[in-house]
Amino acid sequence: MMKKCLFAILASSLVAACVTTTGTKLDTSKIDGFTQGVTTIAQAEQVLGEPTGVAKNPDGSTTLTYFYSRSGMDAKSYIPFAGGLVGKNSMESSMTYVQFDARGRYIKWWGGAGATPKG
């Protein structure tokens, strides 16, 4: 009986830290230092880090994509039947696009972020 209790306690504590993160959270205030027509892709990557994706657009421009997502839930969320009522979970995400002209010079950026706590 004691082994079952210890196993339950251990399993609960492991599940309590269930968090999934994808990408790196981007500080968009760093983009404020970019100068249109001057800042290069290489300089932007040096400041912002490696992008999640790079797209070559039909007009010759390049768009760097930075994606971040973090979701997590507490141990109560795993309680059968009641988990959805008593558990807490959260989701945070952001998507940022940084565009450069055909010469690889900064044009503009756009994006958005959101968070949906529950509990």
Protein backbone atom coordinates (compact mmCIF):
# COMPACT_ATOMS: atom_id res chain seq x y z
CA MET A 1 0.00 0.00 0.00
CA MET A 2 2.82 2.39 0.86
CA LYS A 3 4.46 1.78 -2.53
CA LYS A 4 1.22 2.71 -4.30
CA CYS A 5 0.98 5.97 -2.35
CA LEU A 6 4.58 6.88 -3.11
CA PHE A 7 4.06 6.09 -6.79
CA ALA A 8 0.92 8.28 -6.88
CA ILE A 9 2.76 11.18 -5.25
CA LEU A 10 5.71 10.84 -7.62
CA ALA A 11 3.49 10.59 -10.70
CA SER A 12 1.47 13.63 -9.62
CA SER A 13 4.57 15.75 -9.13
CA LEU A 14 5.92 14.78 -12.56
CA VAL A 15 2.66 15.65 -14.29
CA ALA A 16 2.45 18.97 -12.42
CA ALA A 17 5.27 20.36 -14.53
CA CYS A 18 3.72 19.52 -17.92
CA VAL A 19 4.68 22.48 -20.13
CA THR A 20 5.31 22.52 -23.87
CA THR A 21 7.32 25.33 -25.50
CA THR A 22 8.03 25.85 -29.20
CA GLY A 23 10.30 28.54 -30.61
CA THR A 24 11.87 31.44 -28.75
CA LYS A 25 9.91 34.38 -27.38
CA LEU A 26 10.87 37.44 -29.42
CA ASP A 27 11.32 40.89 -27.87
CA THR A 28 9.81 43.04 -30.65
CA SER A 29 11.19 46.22 -29.07
CA LYS A 30 14.55 45.17 -30.55
CA ILE A 31 13.09 45.78 -34.02
CA ASP A 32 12.70 49.47 -33.12
CA GLY A 33 16.46 49.79 -33.64
CA PHE A 34 16.18 48.69 -37.28
CA THR A 35 16.44 51.35 -40.00
CA GLN A 36 14.31 50.99 -43.14
CA GLY A 37 16.46 50.47 -46.22
CA VAL A 38 19.61 50.06 -44.13
CA THR A 39 19.39 47.11 -41.69
CA THR A 40 20.29 43.83 -43.44
CA ILE A 41 18.91 40.33 -42.94
CA ALA A 42 22.20 39.23 -41.37
CA GLN A 43 22.09 42.15 -38.92
CA ALA A 44 18.47 41.40 -38.04
CA GLU A 45 19.25 37.73 -37.39
CA GLN A 46 22.19 38.75 -35.21
CA VAL A 47 19.84 40.87 -33.06
CA LEU A 48 16.73 38.65 -33.11
CA GLY A 49 18.26 35.21 -33.41
CA GLU A 50 17.56 32.45 -35.92
CA PRO A 51 14.06 32.71 -37.39
CA THR A 52 11.55 29.86 -37.29
CA GLY A 53 11.08 30.23 -41.04
CA VAL A 54 12.38 32.15 -44.06
CA ALA A 55 10.23 32.85 -47.12
CA LYS A 56 11.40 34.15 -50.50
CA ASN A 57 8.45 36.10 -51.91
CA PRO A 58 7.54 36.35 -55.63
CA ASP A 59 8.58 40.02 -55.72
CA GLY A 60 12.10 39.10 -54.57
CA SER A 61 11.60 40.24 -50.97
CA THR A 62 12.33 37.99 -47.99
CA THR A 63 10.19 37.48 -44.90
CA LEU A 64 11.63 36.12 -41.65
CA THR A 65 9.08 34.43 -39.40
CA TYR A 66 9.45 34.12 -35.63
CA PHE A 67 6.93 31.81 -33.92
CA TYR A 68 6.60 31.16 -30.19
CA SER A 69 4.10 28.99 -28.33
CA ARG A 70 3.90 27.87 -24.72
CA SER A 71 1.17 25.78 -23.19
CA GLY A 72 0.87 24.12 -19.84
CA MET A 73 -1.51 22.54 -17.38
CA ASP A 74 -1.44 21.62 -13.76
CA ALA A 75 -1.83 18.13 -12.27
CA LYS A 76 -5.54 18.64 -11.51
CA SER A 77 -6.21 18.74 -15.26
CA TYR A 78 -5.44 15.02 -15.43
CA ILE A 79 -8.14 13.97 -12.94
CA PRO A 80 -10.59 11.77 -14.87
CA PHE A 81 -13.95 13.45 -15.52
CA ALA A 82 -13.25 16.41 -13.21
CA GLY A 83 -9.98 17.63 -14.74
CA GLY A 84 -11.69 19.96 -17.17
CA LEU A 85 -13.55 21.62 -14.32
CA VAL A 86 -10.91 21.91 -11.61
CA GLY A 87 -7.66 21.97 -13.60
CA LYS A 88 -5.85 25.05 -14.82
CA ASN A 89 -4.15 25.41 -18.18
CA SER A 90 -2.73 28.26 -20.18
CA MET A 91 -1.58 29.06 -23.70
CA GLU A 92 0.62 31.89 -24.90
CA SER A 93 1.66 32.44 -28.48
CA SER A 94 3.12 35.03 -30.81
CA MET A 95 3.91 35.28 -34.50
CA THR A 96 6.20 38.00 -35.84
CA TYR A 97 7.09 38.69 -39.46
CA VAL A 98 10.04 40.85 -40.54
CA GLN A 99 10.19 41.79 -44.22
CA PHE A 100 13.21 42.77 -46.32
CA ASP A 101 13.38 44.06 -49.91
CA ALA A 102 15.04 42.26 -52.83
CA ARG A 103 18.41 43.72 -51.76
CA GLY A 104 17.98 42.22 -48.26
CA ARG A 105 17.27 45.57 -46.55
CA TYR A 106 14.63 46.01 -43.82
CA ILE A 107 11.17 47.22 -44.89
CA LYS A 108 8.72 46.55 -42.04
CA TRP A 109 7.49 44.13 -39.41
CA TRP A 110 4.08 42.97 -38.19
CA GLY A 111 2.67 40.34 -35.91
CA GLY A 112 0.57 39.58 -32.92
CA ALA A 113 0.48 37.80 -29.60
CA GLY A 114 -2.09 36.36 -27.27
CA ALA A 115 -2.58 34.49 -24.03
CA THR A 116 -5.50 32.40 -22.87
CA PRO A 117 -5.33 31.46 -19.18
CA LYS A 118 -8.00 29.17 -17.81
CA GLY A 119 -8.72 28.39 -14.27
